[in-house]
C-alpha atoms as a PDB file:
ATOM      1  CA  MET A   1     -31.765 -73.409  16.574  1.00  0.00           C
ATOM      2  CA  GLU A   2     -34.513 -71.162  15.194  1.00  0.00           C
ATOM      3  CA  PRO A   3     -33.718 -68.747  12.353  1.00  0.00           C
ATOM      4  CA  PHE A   4     -35.255 -65.945  14.441  1.00  0.00           C
ATOM      5  CA  SER A   5     -34.961 -64.497  17.934  1.00  0.00           C
ATOM      6  CA  ILE A   6     -37.506 -62.476  19.909  1.00  0.00           C
ATOM      7  CA  PHE A   7     -36.422 -59.947  22.526  1.00  0.00           C
ATOM      8  CA  SER A   8     -38.551 -57.877  24.875  1.00  0.00           C
ATOM      9  CA  LEU A   9     -37.752 -54.179  25.194  1.00  0.00           C
ATOM     10  CA  GLY A  10     -40.533 -53.337  27.635  1.00  0.00           C
ATOM     11  CA  ASP A  11     -43.723 -52.773  25.639  1.00  0.00           C
ATOM     12  CA  ILE A  12     -41.833 -53.262  22.354  1.00  0.00           C
ATOM     13  CA  LEU A  13     -40.759 -56.631  20.995  1.00  0.00           C
ATOM     14  CA  MET A  14     -37.847 -57.012  18.616  1.00  0.00           C
ATOM     15  CA  VAL A  15     -37.618 -59.909  16.174  1.00  0.00           C
ATOM     16  CA  SER A  16     -34.288 -60.648  14.556  1.00  0.00           C
ATOM     17  CA  VAL A  17     -34.737 -62.636  11.341  1.00  0.00           C
ATOM     18  CA  GLN A  18     -31.926 -64.641   9.758  1.00  0.00           C
ATOM     19  CA  GLU A  19     -31.555 -65.396   6.068  1.00  0.00           C
ATOM     20  CA  GLU A  20     -32.522 -69.069   6.102  1.00  0.00           C
ATOM     21  CA  ILE A  21     -36.089 -68.752   7.426  1.00  0.00           C
ATOM     22  CA  ASP A  22     -38.532 -71.244   5.866  1.00  0.00           C
ATOM     23  CA  ASP A  23     -42.296 -72.045   5.935  1.00  0.00           C
ATOM     24  CA  SER A  24     -42.270 -74.020   9.167  1.00  0.00           C
ATOM     25  CA  SER A  25     -40.066 -71.425  10.870  1.00  0.00           C
ATOM     26  CA  ILE A  26     -42.470 -68.651   9.790  1.00  0.00           C
ATOM     27  CA  GLU A  27     -45.348 -70.628  11.368  1.00  0.00           C
ATOM     28  CA  ARG A  28     -43.408 -71.010  14.615  1.00  0.00           C
ATOM     29  CA  LEU A  29     -42.540 -67.305  14.517  1.00  0.00           C
ATOM     30  CA  LEU A  30     -46.234 -66.370  14.089  1.00  0.00           C
ATOM     31  CA  HIS A  31     -47.295 -68.494  17.061  1.00  0.00           C
ATOM     32  CA  SER A  32     -44.438 -67.450  19.296  1.00  0.00           C
ATOM     33  CA  LEU A  33     -44.752 -63.771  18.437  1.00  0.00           C
ATOM     34  CA  GLY A  34     -48.536 -63.811  18.824  1.00  0.00           C
ATOM     35  CA  ASN A  35     -48.195 -65.334  22.288  1.00  0.00           C
ATOM     36  CA  GLN A  36     -45.530 -62.841  23.330  1.00  0.00           C
ATOM     37  CA  VAL A  37     -47.478 -59.838  22.002  1.00  0.00           C
ATOM     38  CA  SER A  38     -50.500 -60.959  24.024  1.00  0.00           C
ATOM     39  CA  LYS A  39     -48.497 -61.852  27.139  1.00  0.00           C
ATOM     40  CA  ASN A  40     -46.386 -58.676  27.155  1.00  0.00           C
ATOM     41  CA  LYS A  41     -49.193 -56.441  25.846  1.00  0.00           C
ATOM     42  CA  ALA A  42     -46.679 -55.187  23.306  1.00  0.00           C
ATOM     43  CA  LYS A  43     -47.710 -51.967  21.605  1.00  0.00           C
ATOM     44  CA  ALA A  44     -45.125 -52.448  18.845  1.00  0.00           C
ATOM     45  CA  VAL A  45     -42.859 -54.939  17.126  1.00  0.00           C
ATOM     46  CA  ILE A  46     -39.600 -54.240  15.326  1.00  0.00           C
ATOM     47  CA  ILE A  47     -38.666 -56.804  12.685  1.00  0.00           C
ATOM     48  CA  ASP A  48     -34.907 -56.559  12.212  1.00  0.00           C
ATOM     49  CA  MET A  49     -33.925 -57.763   8.737  1.00  0.00           C
ATOM     50  CA  HIS A  50     -30.292 -56.628   8.660  1.00  0.00           C
ATOM     51  CA  GLU A  51     -29.007 -60.225   8.318  1.00  0.00           C
ATOM     52  CA  VAL A  52     -31.217 -60.957   5.310  1.00  0.00           C
ATOM     53  CA  GLU A  53     -29.193 -60.555   2.120  1.00  0.00           C
ATOM     54  CA  VAL A  54     -31.799 -61.917  -0.311  1.00  0.00           C
ATOM     55  CA  MET A  55     -35.559 -61.427  -0.175  1.00  0.00           C
ATOM     56  CA  ASP A  56     -37.681 -63.239  -2.709  1.00  0.00           C
ATOM     57  CA  THR A  57     -41.461 -63.156  -3.177  1.00  0.00           C
ATOM     58  CA  PHE A  58     -41.805 -66.042  -0.695  1.00  0.00           C
ATOM     59  CA  LEU A  59     -40.180 -64.142   2.160  1.00  0.00           C
ATOM     60  CA  ALA A  60     -41.788 -60.828   1.173  1.00  0.00           C
ATOM     61  CA  GLU A  61     -45.283 -62.373   1.274  1.00  0.00           C
ATOM     62  CA  HIS A  62     -44.580 -63.901   4.672  1.00  0.00           C
ATOM     63  CA  ILE A  63     -43.292 -60.596   6.058  1.00  0.00           C
ATOM     64  CA  GLU A  64     -46.421 -58.878   4.741  1.00  0.00           C
ATOM     65  CA  GLY A  65     -48.583 -61.595   6.331  1.00  0.00           C
ATOM     66  CA  LEU A  66     -46.712 -61.243   9.617  1.00  0.00           C
ATOM     67  CA  VAL A  67     -47.312 -57.481   9.606  1.00  0.00           C
ATOM     68  CA  SER A  68     -51.051 -57.999   8.942  1.00  0.00           C
ATOM     69  CA  PHE A  69     -51.212 -60.565  11.745  1.00  0.00           C
ATOM     70  CA  LEU A  70     -49.535 -58.174  14.192  1.00  0.00           C
ATOM     71  CA  HIS A  71     -51.851 -55.317  13.153  1.00  0.00           C
ATOM     72  CA  MET A  72     -54.797 -57.570  14.058  1.00  0.00           C
ATOM     73  CA  LEU A  73     -53.247 -57.921  17.508  1.00  0.00           C
ATOM     74  CA  ARG A  74     -53.150 -54.099  17.680  1.00  0.00           C
ATOM     75  CA  SER A  75     -49.355 -53.839  17.490  1.00  0.00           C
ATOM     76  CA  ARG A  76     -47.580 -51.282  15.380  1.00  0.00           C
ATOM     77  CA  VAL A  77     -44.834 -52.812  13.220  1.00  0.00           C
ATOM     78  CA  VAL A  78     -41.607 -51.343  11.863  1.00  0.00           C
ATOM     79  CA  VAL A  79     -39.307 -53.345   9.582  1.00  0.00           C
ATOM     80  CA  ALA A  80     -35.705 -52.290  10.143  1.00  0.00           C
ATOM     81  CA  GLY A  81     -32.389 -52.891   8.463  1.00  0.00           C
ATOM     82  CA  ILE A  82     -33.367 -53.797   4.909  1.00  0.00           C
ATOM     83  CA  GLN A  83     -30.122 -53.829   2.914  1.00  0.00           C
ATOM     84  CA  VAL A  84     -29.854 -51.672  -0.237  1.00  0.00           C
ATOM     85  CA  PRO A  85     -29.509 -54.692  -2.591  1.00  0.00           C
ATOM     86  CA  VAL A  86     -32.627 -56.230  -1.017  1.00  0.00           C
ATOM     87  CA  ALA A  87     -34.599 -52.991  -1.496  1.00  0.00           C
ATOM     88  CA  LEU A  88     -33.443 -52.776  -5.123  1.00  0.00           C
ATOM     89  CA  THR A  89     -34.461 -56.402  -5.747  1.00  0.00           C
ATOM     90  CA  LEU A  90     -37.912 -55.755  -4.283  1.00  0.00           C
ATOM     91  CA  ILE A  91     -38.336 -52.792  -6.622  1.00  0.00           C
ATOM     92  CA  ASP A  92     -36.961 -54.678  -9.654  1.00  0.00           C
ATOM     93  CA  PHE A  93     -39.451 -57.512  -9.130  1.00  0.00           C
ATOM     94  CA  ASN A  94     -42.293 -55.095  -8.319  1.00  0.00           C
ATOM     95  CA  ILE A  95     -42.724 -56.561  -4.832  1.00  0.00           C
ATOM     96  CA  ARG A  96     -44.619 -54.090  -2.679  1.00  0.00           C
ATOM     97  CA  LEU A  97     -44.817 -54.534   1.058  1.00  0.00           C
ATOM     98  CA  LYS A  98     -48.112 -52.781   1.747  1.00  0.00           C
ATOM     99  CA  ASN A  99     -48.923 -51.186   5.099  1.00  0.00           C
ATOM    100  CA  VAL A 100     -45.360 -51.695   6.287  1.00  0.00           C
ATOM    101  CA  GLU A 101     -43.336 -48.987   8.037  1.00  0.00           C
ATOM    102  CA  PHE A 102     -39.584 -49.020   7.441  1.00  0.00           C
ATOM    103  CA  ALA A 103     -36.553 -47.765   9.358  1.00  0.00           C
ATOM    104  CA  LEU A 104     -32.895 -47.792   8.384  1.00  0.00           C
ATOM    105  CA  ASP A 105     -31.899 -49.604  11.580  1.00  0.00           C
ATOM    106  CA  VAL A 106     -33.198 -50.704  14.970  1.00  0.00           C
ATOM    107  CA  GLU A 107     -32.195 -47.403  16.600  1.00  0.00           C
ATOM    108  CA  GLN A 108     -34.308 -45.423  14.119  1.00  0.00           C
ATOM    109  CA  ALA A 109     -37.190 -47.878  14.576  1.00  0.00           C
ATOM    110  CA  LEU A 110     -37.070 -47.416  18.349  1.00  0.00           C
ATOM    111  CA  SER A 111     -37.071 -43.630  18.062  1.00  0.00           C
ATOM    112  CA  ARG A 112     -40.132 -43.795  15.771  1.00  0.00           C
ATOM    113  CA  LEU A 113     -42.000 -45.951  18.270  1.00  0.00           C
ATOM    114  CA  ARG A 114     -41.298 -43.883  21.373  1.00  0.00           C
END
């Protein structure tokens, strides 16, 4: 089973990311998401991170790369559900996710995109 799921919400795709995502899973996510964005002509993607309890530089760089990739496909991206300890860790280690929009949860992300 993949450590991510992709759901279509009309012209918005939602990606649910689990904690144990690795390099090869990120590659599969990029390909799968790219195909679905093109196929569905998705105007936006929500990346739901509420299940991620730890984010290191590895995952942060991949999320940033995923956002850049989706911007190239002309999709707006909102990262939702970052836990407070994860946000504090990112700040402590000076990890900056550039050009990334954030929402507290999926509901807030959806309202921003509509």
